[in-house]
N, C-alpha and C. Protein backbone atom coordinates (compact mmCIF):
# COMPACT_ATOMS: atom_id res chain seq x y z
N MET A 1 -39.61 104.30 -100.33
CA MET A 1 -40.95 104.32 -99.78
C MET A 1 -41.71 105.56 -100.24
N MET A 2 -41.04 106.68 -100.40
CA MET A 2 -41.72 107.91 -100.81
C MET A 2 -41.42 108.29 -102.26
N SER A 3 -40.97 107.35 -103.06
CA SER A 3 -40.57 107.70 -104.42
C SER A 3 -41.73 108.26 -105.25
N ALA A 4 -42.93 107.83 -104.98
CA ALA A 4 -44.08 108.34 -105.71
C ALA A 4 -44.60 109.66 -105.13
N HIS A 5 -44.03 110.08 -104.01
CA HIS A 5 -44.49 111.28 -103.32
C HIS A 5 -43.31 112.20 -103.01
N LYS A 6 -42.63 112.63 -104.06
CA LYS A 6 -41.42 113.44 -103.89
C LYS A 6 -41.68 114.74 -103.14
N ASP A 7 -42.86 115.32 -103.32
CA ASP A 7 -43.17 116.56 -102.61
C ASP A 7 -43.31 116.31 -101.11
N LEU A 8 -43.93 115.22 -100.72
CA LEU A 8 -44.08 114.88 -99.31
C LEU A 8 -42.71 114.60 -98.68
N ARG A 9 -41.86 113.91 -99.41
CA ARG A 9 -40.51 113.64 -98.92
C ARG A 9 -39.77 114.96 -98.72
N TRP A 10 -39.86 115.86 -99.68
CA TRP A 10 -39.17 117.15 -99.58
C TRP A 10 -39.67 117.93 -98.36
N ILE A 11 -40.97 117.98 -98.17
CA ILE A 11 -41.54 118.68 -97.02
C ILE A 11 -41.03 118.05 -95.72
N SER A 12 -41.02 116.72 -95.65
CA SER A 12 -40.55 116.04 -94.44
C SER A 12 -39.10 116.35 -94.14
N VAL A 13 -38.25 116.21 -95.14
CA VAL A 13 -36.82 116.38 -94.93
C VAL A 13 -36.45 117.85 -94.74
N GLU A 14 -36.88 118.70 -95.65
CA GLU A 14 -36.43 120.09 -95.65
C GLU A 14 -37.18 120.98 -94.67
N ILE A 15 -38.47 120.77 -94.52
CA ILE A 15 -39.26 121.66 -93.67
C ILE A 15 -39.39 121.07 -92.26
N THR A 16 -40.03 119.92 -92.15
CA THR A 16 -40.30 119.36 -90.83
C THR A 16 -39.02 119.07 -90.07
N TYR A 17 -38.14 118.24 -90.66
CA TYR A 17 -36.90 117.92 -89.96
C TYR A 17 -35.88 119.04 -90.11
N GLY A 18 -35.83 119.66 -91.26
CA GLY A 18 -34.81 120.67 -91.51
C GLY A 18 -35.02 121.97 -90.78
N LEU A 19 -36.20 122.55 -90.84
CA LEU A 19 -36.45 123.84 -90.20
C LEU A 19 -36.99 123.71 -88.79
N TYR A 20 -38.03 122.91 -88.63
CA TYR A 20 -38.69 122.86 -87.33
C TYR A 20 -37.92 122.06 -86.29
N LEU A 21 -37.58 120.84 -86.61
CA LEU A 21 -37.04 119.94 -85.60
C LEU A 21 -35.55 120.08 -85.38
N SER A 22 -34.85 120.75 -86.27
CA SER A 22 -33.41 120.91 -86.07
C SER A 22 -33.07 122.20 -85.34
N ASP A 23 -34.03 123.06 -85.12
CA ASP A 23 -33.80 124.31 -84.41
C ASP A 23 -33.96 124.04 -82.92
N HIS A 24 -32.84 123.94 -82.21
CA HIS A 24 -32.89 123.61 -80.79
C HIS A 24 -32.83 124.83 -79.89
N THR A 25 -33.20 125.99 -80.43
CA THR A 25 -33.23 127.19 -79.59
C THR A 25 -34.47 127.22 -78.69
N ILE A 26 -35.49 126.48 -79.06
CA ILE A 26 -36.71 126.43 -78.24
C ILE A 26 -36.81 125.08 -77.54
N LEU A 27 -36.77 124.01 -78.30
CA LEU A 27 -36.79 122.65 -77.75
C LEU A 27 -35.43 122.02 -78.00
N ASP A 28 -34.83 121.42 -76.98
CA ASP A 28 -33.55 120.74 -77.20
C ASP A 28 -33.81 119.40 -77.87
N GLY A 29 -32.76 118.64 -78.09
CA GLY A 29 -32.88 117.36 -78.80
C GLY A 29 -33.81 116.38 -78.13
N ILE A 30 -33.72 116.28 -76.82
CA ILE A 30 -34.58 115.33 -76.10
C ILE A 30 -36.04 115.78 -76.15
N ASP A 31 -36.29 117.06 -75.90
CA ASP A 31 -37.67 117.56 -75.97
C ASP A 31 -38.27 117.35 -77.36
N THR A 32 -37.47 117.64 -78.37
CA THR A 32 -37.92 117.45 -79.75
C THR A 32 -38.27 115.99 -80.00
N GLU A 33 -37.40 115.09 -79.59
CA GLU A 33 -37.64 113.67 -79.82
C GLU A 33 -38.87 113.19 -79.07
N LEU A 34 -39.13 113.71 -77.89
CA LEU A 34 -40.33 113.30 -77.15
C LEU A 34 -41.60 113.75 -77.85
N VAL A 35 -41.58 114.94 -78.42
CA VAL A 35 -42.74 115.42 -79.18
C VAL A 35 -42.96 114.56 -80.42
N VAL A 36 -41.88 114.30 -81.14
CA VAL A 36 -42.00 113.51 -82.37
C VAL A 36 -42.41 112.08 -82.06
N LEU A 37 -41.75 111.46 -81.09
CA LEU A 37 -42.10 110.08 -80.72
C LEU A 37 -43.56 109.97 -80.34
N SER A 38 -44.04 110.88 -79.53
CA SER A 38 -45.45 110.85 -79.11
C SER A 38 -46.39 110.99 -80.30
N GLY A 39 -46.08 111.94 -81.18
CA GLY A 39 -46.94 112.18 -82.35
C GLY A 39 -46.97 111.02 -83.31
N ILE A 40 -45.85 110.33 -83.44
CA ILE A 40 -45.77 109.20 -84.37
C ILE A 40 -46.39 107.95 -83.74
N MET A 41 -46.05 107.70 -82.48
CA MET A 41 -46.53 106.47 -81.84
C MET A 41 -48.05 106.47 -81.71
N ILE A 42 -48.65 107.61 -81.41
CA ILE A 42 -50.10 107.68 -81.21
C ILE A 42 -50.85 107.35 -82.51
N GLN A 43 -50.14 107.42 -83.65
CA GLN A 43 -50.74 107.06 -84.94
C GLN A 43 -50.60 105.56 -85.23
N ASN A 44 -49.97 104.83 -84.31
CA ASN A 44 -49.81 103.38 -84.46
C ASN A 44 -48.93 103.03 -85.67
N LEU A 45 -47.92 103.85 -85.92
CA LEU A 45 -47.02 103.64 -87.05
C LEU A 45 -45.82 102.82 -86.59
N ALA A 46 -45.73 101.59 -87.06
CA ALA A 46 -44.72 100.65 -86.57
C ALA A 46 -43.29 101.07 -86.93
N ARG A 47 -43.02 101.24 -88.19
CA ARG A 47 -41.65 101.53 -88.65
C ARG A 47 -41.15 102.86 -88.08
N GLU A 48 -41.96 103.88 -88.19
CA GLU A 48 -41.56 105.21 -87.73
C GLU A 48 -41.38 105.25 -86.21
N THR A 49 -42.23 104.53 -85.49
CA THR A 49 -42.06 104.44 -84.04
C THR A 49 -40.74 103.78 -83.69
N GLY A 50 -40.39 102.73 -84.40
CA GLY A 50 -39.10 102.07 -84.18
C GLY A 50 -37.95 103.02 -84.40
N TRP A 51 -38.02 103.81 -85.48
CA TRP A 51 -36.95 104.79 -85.75
C TRP A 51 -36.79 105.75 -84.58
N HIS A 52 -37.92 106.23 -84.08
CA HIS A 52 -37.85 107.25 -83.04
C HIS A 52 -37.62 106.67 -81.65
N LEU A 53 -37.98 105.43 -81.42
CA LEU A 53 -37.55 104.77 -80.18
C LEU A 53 -36.03 104.66 -80.17
N ARG A 54 -35.45 104.22 -81.29
CA ARG A 54 -33.98 104.14 -81.39
C ARG A 54 -33.36 105.52 -81.23
N GLY A 55 -33.95 106.51 -81.88
CA GLY A 55 -33.43 107.86 -81.78
C GLY A 55 -33.45 108.39 -80.36
N THR A 56 -34.53 108.12 -79.65
CA THR A 56 -34.65 108.56 -78.26
C THR A 56 -33.58 107.89 -77.40
N ARG A 57 -33.36 106.62 -77.61
CA ARG A 57 -32.31 105.91 -76.86
C ARG A 57 -30.93 106.44 -77.24
N ARG A 58 -30.71 106.70 -78.52
CA ARG A 58 -29.38 107.14 -78.98
C ARG A 58 -29.00 108.53 -78.50
N ILE A 59 -29.97 109.35 -78.16
CA ILE A 59 -29.62 110.68 -77.64
C ILE A 59 -29.48 110.69 -76.12
N GLY A 60 -29.56 109.51 -75.52
CA GLY A 60 -29.22 109.40 -74.11
C GLY A 60 -30.34 109.14 -73.13
N VAL A 61 -31.57 108.97 -73.61
CA VAL A 61 -32.67 108.67 -72.70
C VAL A 61 -32.57 107.17 -72.34
N SER A 62 -32.66 106.87 -71.06
CA SER A 62 -32.48 105.49 -70.61
C SER A 62 -33.60 104.57 -71.11
N HIS A 63 -33.28 103.28 -71.15
CA HIS A 63 -34.26 102.26 -71.55
C HIS A 63 -35.51 102.36 -70.69
N ASP A 64 -35.33 102.46 -69.37
CA ASP A 64 -36.47 102.51 -68.45
C ASP A 64 -37.32 103.77 -68.67
N ASP A 65 -36.66 104.89 -68.92
CA ASP A 65 -37.41 106.13 -69.16
C ASP A 65 -38.18 106.06 -70.47
N VAL A 66 -37.59 105.48 -71.50
CA VAL A 66 -38.30 105.35 -72.78
C VAL A 66 -39.50 104.42 -72.62
N GLU A 67 -39.33 103.36 -71.87
CA GLU A 67 -40.46 102.46 -71.60
C GLU A 67 -41.57 103.19 -70.87
N LEU A 68 -41.22 104.00 -69.89
CA LEU A 68 -42.22 104.78 -69.15
C LEU A 68 -42.92 105.79 -70.07
N ILE A 69 -42.16 106.43 -70.94
CA ILE A 69 -42.74 107.36 -71.92
C ILE A 69 -43.73 106.62 -72.81
N GLN A 70 -43.33 105.43 -73.26
CA GLN A 70 -44.21 104.65 -74.12
C GLN A 70 -45.50 104.27 -73.38
N GLN A 71 -45.39 103.92 -72.12
CA GLN A 71 -46.58 103.60 -71.33
C GLN A 71 -47.50 104.81 -71.20
N CYS A 72 -46.92 105.99 -71.04
CA CYS A 72 -47.74 107.22 -70.96
C CYS A 72 -48.47 107.49 -72.27
N ILE A 73 -47.78 107.30 -73.39
CA ILE A 73 -48.40 107.49 -74.70
C ILE A 73 -49.55 106.49 -74.87
N GLU A 74 -49.35 105.27 -74.41
CA GLU A 74 -50.40 104.25 -74.49
C GLU A 74 -51.61 104.63 -73.63
N LYS A 75 -51.37 105.24 -72.49
CA LYS A 75 -52.48 105.69 -71.64
C LYS A 75 -53.29 106.79 -72.32
N VAL A 76 -52.59 107.71 -72.99
CA VAL A 76 -53.29 108.76 -73.74
C VAL A 76 -54.10 108.13 -74.87
N ALA A 77 -53.49 107.20 -75.59
CA ALA A 77 -54.19 106.52 -76.69
C ALA A 77 -55.43 105.80 -76.17
N ASN A 78 -55.27 105.10 -75.07
CA ASN A 78 -56.39 104.37 -74.47
C ASN A 78 -57.51 105.33 -74.09
N PHE A 79 -57.16 106.47 -73.49
CA PHE A 79 -58.15 107.48 -73.12
C PHE A 79 -58.92 107.96 -74.36
N CYS A 80 -58.22 108.03 -75.49
CA CYS A 80 -58.83 108.49 -76.75
C CYS A 80 -59.53 107.37 -77.50
N GLY A 81 -59.54 106.17 -76.93
CA GLY A 81 -60.20 105.04 -77.59
C GLY A 81 -59.36 104.41 -78.69
N LEU A 82 -58.05 104.63 -78.66
CA LEU A 82 -57.14 104.07 -79.66
C LEU A 82 -56.36 102.91 -79.08
N GLN A 83 -56.06 101.94 -79.92
CA GLN A 83 -55.21 100.83 -79.50
C GLN A 83 -53.93 100.87 -80.32
N LEU A 84 -52.81 100.81 -79.64
CA LEU A 84 -51.51 100.81 -80.32
C LEU A 84 -51.05 99.37 -80.45
N THR A 85 -51.47 98.74 -81.52
CA THR A 85 -51.22 97.31 -81.71
C THR A 85 -50.02 97.01 -82.60
N ARG A 86 -49.53 98.00 -83.32
CA ARG A 86 -48.46 97.76 -84.30
C ARG A 86 -47.09 98.23 -83.84
N VAL A 87 -47.04 99.09 -82.84
CA VAL A 87 -45.77 99.71 -82.48
C VAL A 87 -44.88 98.76 -81.67
N PRO A 88 -43.57 98.81 -81.93
CA PRO A 88 -42.65 97.98 -81.15
C PRO A 88 -42.46 98.56 -79.75
N ARG A 89 -41.98 97.75 -78.85
CA ARG A 89 -41.60 98.20 -77.52
C ARG A 89 -40.12 98.57 -77.57
N VAL A 90 -39.69 99.33 -76.60
CA VAL A 90 -38.29 99.73 -76.56
C VAL A 90 -37.39 98.50 -76.45
N LYS A 91 -37.81 97.45 -75.77
CA LYS A 91 -36.99 96.23 -75.66
C LYS A 91 -36.80 95.57 -77.04
N ASP A 92 -37.76 95.78 -77.94
CA ASP A 92 -37.67 95.18 -79.27
C ASP A 92 -36.59 95.82 -80.14
N ILE A 93 -36.26 97.07 -79.86
CA ILE A 93 -35.28 97.79 -80.68
C ILE A 93 -33.95 97.97 -79.97
N GLU A 94 -33.87 97.56 -78.72
CA GLU A 94 -32.69 97.83 -77.90
C GLU A 94 -31.40 97.30 -78.53
N HIS A 95 -31.47 96.16 -79.18
CA HIS A 95 -30.27 95.60 -79.80
C HIS A 95 -29.76 96.45 -80.97
N GLU A 96 -30.58 97.36 -81.46
CA GLU A 96 -30.20 98.21 -82.59
C GLU A 96 -29.71 99.58 -82.15
N VAL A 97 -29.74 99.89 -80.88
CA VAL A 97 -29.43 101.24 -80.42
C VAL A 97 -27.99 101.64 -80.71
N ASN A 98 -27.05 100.76 -80.53
CA ASN A 98 -25.65 101.10 -80.75
C ASN A 98 -25.17 100.87 -82.17
N GLU A 99 -26.04 100.36 -83.03
CA GLU A 99 -25.69 100.18 -84.45
C GLU A 99 -25.78 101.50 -85.18
N GLN A 100 -25.10 101.60 -86.29
CA GLN A 100 -25.22 102.80 -87.14
C GLN A 100 -26.59 102.79 -87.80
N ALA A 101 -27.20 103.96 -87.90
CA ALA A 101 -28.53 104.08 -88.53
C ALA A 101 -28.45 103.86 -90.01
């Protein structure tokens, strides 16, 4: 998907995920995932939201809590005049939670 944008891929992997999001001295894994999930979902990105919904579930956040988080993100989007029409619901990815990524 990013083969034509090797620099963007490098920044994402090495800087964003490598330096910022892997340092859990400030935000732990769950806090980090909530920030990332919110930032991705509010952009109405279907594939990336699915990845991070699965990631949130895989680090131990319950199905009901993830659904509630998603509803909160939708309320923020609605307040901003945005519609999240492309993102999956947590129930849509639940069957993939225990599979290997």
